[in-house]
Amino acid sequence: MGELCFDIDLRLSDDENVRLEVTENYEGDKYHVVVFIDGDHWNTVGLSSGNELLKYMSTFNTAPVVDT
């Protein structure tokens, strides 16, 4: 069976767009997520389960994106 790979485009506001690029089993992570804000790389995270992935994705729906 092939590896999962997909992108999610979110429009957080009129002038803020987020893209999540998700790849399964990449660089030692079960789910490897690269986050772009308005086309610029913002963050990369490795997650160990589908539940962690869903929880991480939902953070972009409930809170503004803040660079830490």
N, C-alpha and C. Protein backbone atom coordinates (compact mmCIF):
# COMPACT_ATOMS: atom_id res chain seq x y z
N MET A 1 0.84 -1.17 0.00
CA MET A 1 0.00 0.00 0.00
C MET A 1 0.89 1.24 0.00
N GLY A 2 0.50 2.27 -0.74
CA GLY A 2 1.29 3.48 -0.88
C GLY A 2 1.24 4.38 0.34
N GLU A 3 2.16 5.30 0.37
CA GLU A 3 2.21 6.28 1.44
C GLU A 3 1.17 7.38 1.20
N LEU A 4 0.63 7.91 2.27
CA LEU A 4 -0.33 9.00 2.19
C LEU A 4 0.41 10.31 1.97
N CYS A 5 -0.13 11.16 1.11
CA CYS A 5 0.46 12.47 0.86
C CYS A 5 -0.66 13.39 0.37
N PHE A 6 -0.85 14.52 1.07
CA PHE A 6 -1.89 15.45 0.66
C PHE A 6 -1.59 16.86 1.16
N ASP A 7 -2.23 17.84 0.54
CA ASP A 7 -2.10 19.24 0.92
C ASP A 7 -3.46 19.77 1.35
N ILE A 8 -3.43 20.69 2.31
CA ILE A 8 -4.65 21.36 2.76
C ILE A 8 -4.41 22.86 2.66
N ASP A 9 -5.30 23.55 1.97
CA ASP A 9 -5.22 25.00 1.86
C ASP A 9 -6.32 25.61 2.71
N LEU A 10 -5.93 26.50 3.63
CA LEU A 10 -6.88 27.16 4.52
C LEU A 10 -6.79 28.67 4.35
N ARG A 11 -7.92 29.30 4.27
CA ARG A 11 -7.94 30.76 4.23
C ARG A 11 -8.38 31.23 5.61
N LEU A 12 -7.43 31.76 6.38
CA LEU A 12 -7.74 32.17 7.75
C LEU A 12 -8.39 33.54 7.81
N SER A 13 -8.04 34.39 6.85
CA SER A 13 -8.63 35.72 6.77
C SER A 13 -8.46 36.20 5.34
N ASP A 14 -8.92 37.42 5.06
CA ASP A 14 -8.79 37.95 3.70
C ASP A 14 -7.34 38.05 3.24
N ASP A 15 -6.43 38.21 4.19
CA ASP A 15 -5.02 38.39 3.81
C ASP A 15 -4.08 37.36 4.43
N GLU A 16 -4.61 36.23 4.90
CA GLU A 16 -3.74 35.20 5.47
C GLU A 16 -4.20 33.81 5.01
N ASN A 17 -3.31 33.15 4.27
CA ASN A 17 -3.57 31.81 3.77
C ASN A 17 -2.53 30.84 4.31
N VAL A 18 -2.99 29.66 4.68
CA VAL A 18 -2.11 28.63 5.23
C VAL A 18 -2.20 27.40 4.35
N ARG A 19 -1.05 26.79 4.10
CA ARG A 19 -1.00 25.52 3.36
C ARG A 19 -0.28 24.51 4.24
N LEU A 20 -0.92 23.35 4.44
CA LEU A 20 -0.31 22.24 5.16
C LEU A 20 0.01 21.15 4.15
N GLU A 21 1.26 20.75 4.08
CA GLU A 21 1.68 19.65 3.22
C GLU A 21 2.00 18.46 4.12
N VAL A 22 1.18 17.42 4.01
CA VAL A 22 1.27 16.26 4.89
C VAL A 22 1.83 15.06 4.12
N THR A 23 2.84 14.41 4.69
CA THR A 23 3.42 13.21 4.09
C THR A 23 3.53 12.14 5.17
N GLU A 24 3.12 10.94 4.83
CA GLU A 24 3.18 9.82 5.77
C GLU A 24 4.55 9.15 5.67
N ASN A 25 5.09 8.75 6.84
CA ASN A 25 6.36 8.02 6.91
C ASN A 25 7.49 8.73 6.18
N TYR A 26 7.77 9.94 6.62
CA TYR A 26 8.81 10.74 5.98
C TYR A 26 9.74 11.30 7.05
N GLU A 27 11.03 11.22 6.82
CA GLU A 27 12.07 11.70 7.73
C GLU A 27 11.88 11.19 9.17
N GLY A 28 11.48 9.94 9.29
CA GLY A 28 11.33 9.33 10.61
C GLY A 28 10.03 9.64 11.32
N ASP A 29 9.17 10.43 10.71
CA ASP A 29 7.88 10.78 11.32
C ASP A 29 6.76 9.94 10.72
N LYS A 30 5.79 9.56 11.54
CA LYS A 30 4.60 8.91 11.01
C LYS A 30 3.88 9.87 10.07
N TYR A 31 3.71 11.12 10.53
CA TYR A 31 3.13 12.18 9.71
C TYR A 31 4.05 13.39 9.77
N HIS A 32 4.55 13.81 8.64
CA HIS A 32 5.45 14.95 8.52
C HIS A 32 4.64 16.09 7.91
N VAL A 33 4.56 17.22 8.62
CA VAL A 33 3.73 18.34 8.16
C VAL A 33 4.60 19.58 7.97
N VAL A 34 4.55 20.14 6.78
CA VAL A 34 5.24 21.39 6.48
C VAL A 34 4.16 22.46 6.32
N VAL A 35 4.33 23.57 7.05
CA VAL A 35 3.34 24.64 7.07
C VAL A 35 3.89 25.87 6.36
N PHE A 36 3.09 26.40 5.45
CA PHE A 36 3.43 27.63 4.74
C PHE A 36 2.35 28.67 5.04
N ILE A 37 2.77 29.88 5.32
CA ILE A 37 1.83 30.99 5.49
C ILE A 37 2.11 31.98 4.37
N ASP A 38 1.08 32.24 3.58
CA ASP A 38 1.20 33.14 2.43
C ASP A 38 2.40 32.77 1.55
N GLY A 39 2.64 31.47 1.38
CA GLY A 39 3.69 30.98 0.50
C GLY A 39 5.07 30.86 1.12
N ASP A 40 5.24 31.36 2.34
CA ASP A 40 6.53 31.29 3.02
C ASP A 40 6.54 30.17 4.05
N HIS A 41 7.65 29.41 4.08
CA HIS A 41 7.77 28.34 5.08
C HIS A 41 7.65 28.94 6.47
N TRP A 42 6.79 28.36 7.30
CA TRP A 42 6.58 28.84 8.65
C TRP A 42 7.04 27.84 9.70
N ASN A 43 6.75 26.54 9.47
CA ASN A 43 7.06 25.55 10.49
C ASN A 43 7.05 24.15 9.86
N THR A 44 7.75 23.24 10.50
CA THR A 44 7.72 21.82 10.13
C THR A 44 7.58 21.04 11.42
N VAL A 45 6.64 20.10 11.43
CA VAL A 45 6.43 19.28 12.63
C VAL A 45 6.35 17.81 12.24
N GLY A 46 6.76 16.96 13.17
CA GLY A 46 6.62 15.52 13.02
C GLY A 46 5.62 15.03 14.05
N LEU A 47 4.66 14.25 13.60
CA LEU A 47 3.60 13.75 14.48
C LEU A 47 3.58 12.22 14.43
N SER A 48 3.20 11.60 15.55
CA SER A 48 3.32 10.15 15.64
C SER A 48 2.02 9.38 15.46
N SER A 49 0.89 10.08 15.30
CA SER A 49 -0.38 9.36 15.12
C SER A 49 -1.37 10.20 14.33
N GLY A 50 -2.38 9.53 13.80
CA GLY A 50 -3.44 10.23 13.09
C GLY A 50 -4.19 11.19 13.99
N ASN A 51 -4.36 10.82 15.25
CA ASN A 51 -5.06 11.72 16.19
C ASN A 51 -4.26 12.99 16.43
N GLU A 52 -2.93 12.87 16.54
CA GLU A 52 -2.09 14.06 16.68
C GLU A 52 -2.20 14.95 15.44
N LEU A 53 -2.24 14.32 14.27
CA LEU A 53 -2.37 15.07 13.03
C LEU A 53 -3.68 15.85 13.00
N LEU A 54 -4.78 15.20 13.33
CA LEU A 54 -6.08 15.88 13.35
C LEU A 54 -6.11 17.02 14.36
N LYS A 55 -5.54 16.79 15.53
CA LYS A 55 -5.49 17.83 16.55
C LYS A 55 -4.66 19.02 16.07
N TYR A 56 -3.51 18.75 15.45
CA TYR A 56 -2.66 19.82 14.94
C TYR A 56 -3.38 20.61 13.85
N MET A 57 -4.02 19.91 12.92
CA MET A 57 -4.75 20.59 11.84
C MET A 57 -5.86 21.46 12.39
N SER A 58 -6.53 21.02 13.44
CA SER A 58 -7.65 21.79 13.99
C SER A 58 -7.18 23.07 14.66
N THR A 59 -5.91 23.18 15.05
CA THR A 59 -5.43 24.41 15.69
C THR A 59 -5.49 25.59 14.73
N PHE A 60 -5.42 25.32 13.44
CA PHE A 60 -5.48 26.40 12.45
C PHE A 60 -6.89 26.91 12.24
N ASN A 61 -7.88 26.17 12.72
CA ASN A 61 -9.26 26.58 12.58
C ASN A 61 -9.76 27.37 13.79
N THR A 62 -9.05 27.28 14.91
CA THR A 62 -9.58 27.84 16.15
C THR A 62 -8.75 28.98 16.70
N ALA A 63 -7.57 29.21 16.16
CA ALA A 63 -6.71 30.24 16.73
C ALA A 63 -5.90 30.90 15.62
N PRO A 64 -5.55 32.16 15.80
CA PRO A 64 -4.69 32.78 14.80
C PRO A 64 -3.30 32.15 14.81
N VAL A 65 -2.65 32.16 13.68
CA VAL A 65 -1.31 31.61 13.56
C VAL A 65 -0.32 32.62 14.13
N VAL A 66 0.47 32.17 15.09
CA VAL A 66 1.46 33.03 15.72
C VAL A 66 2.81 32.35 15.63
N ASP A 67 3.79 33.06 15.12
CA ASP A 67 5.14 32.51 15.00
C ASP A 67 5.78 32.49 16.38
N THR A 68 6.25 31.29 16.81
CA THR A 68 6.88 31.17 18.13
C THR A 68 8.36 30.93 18.02
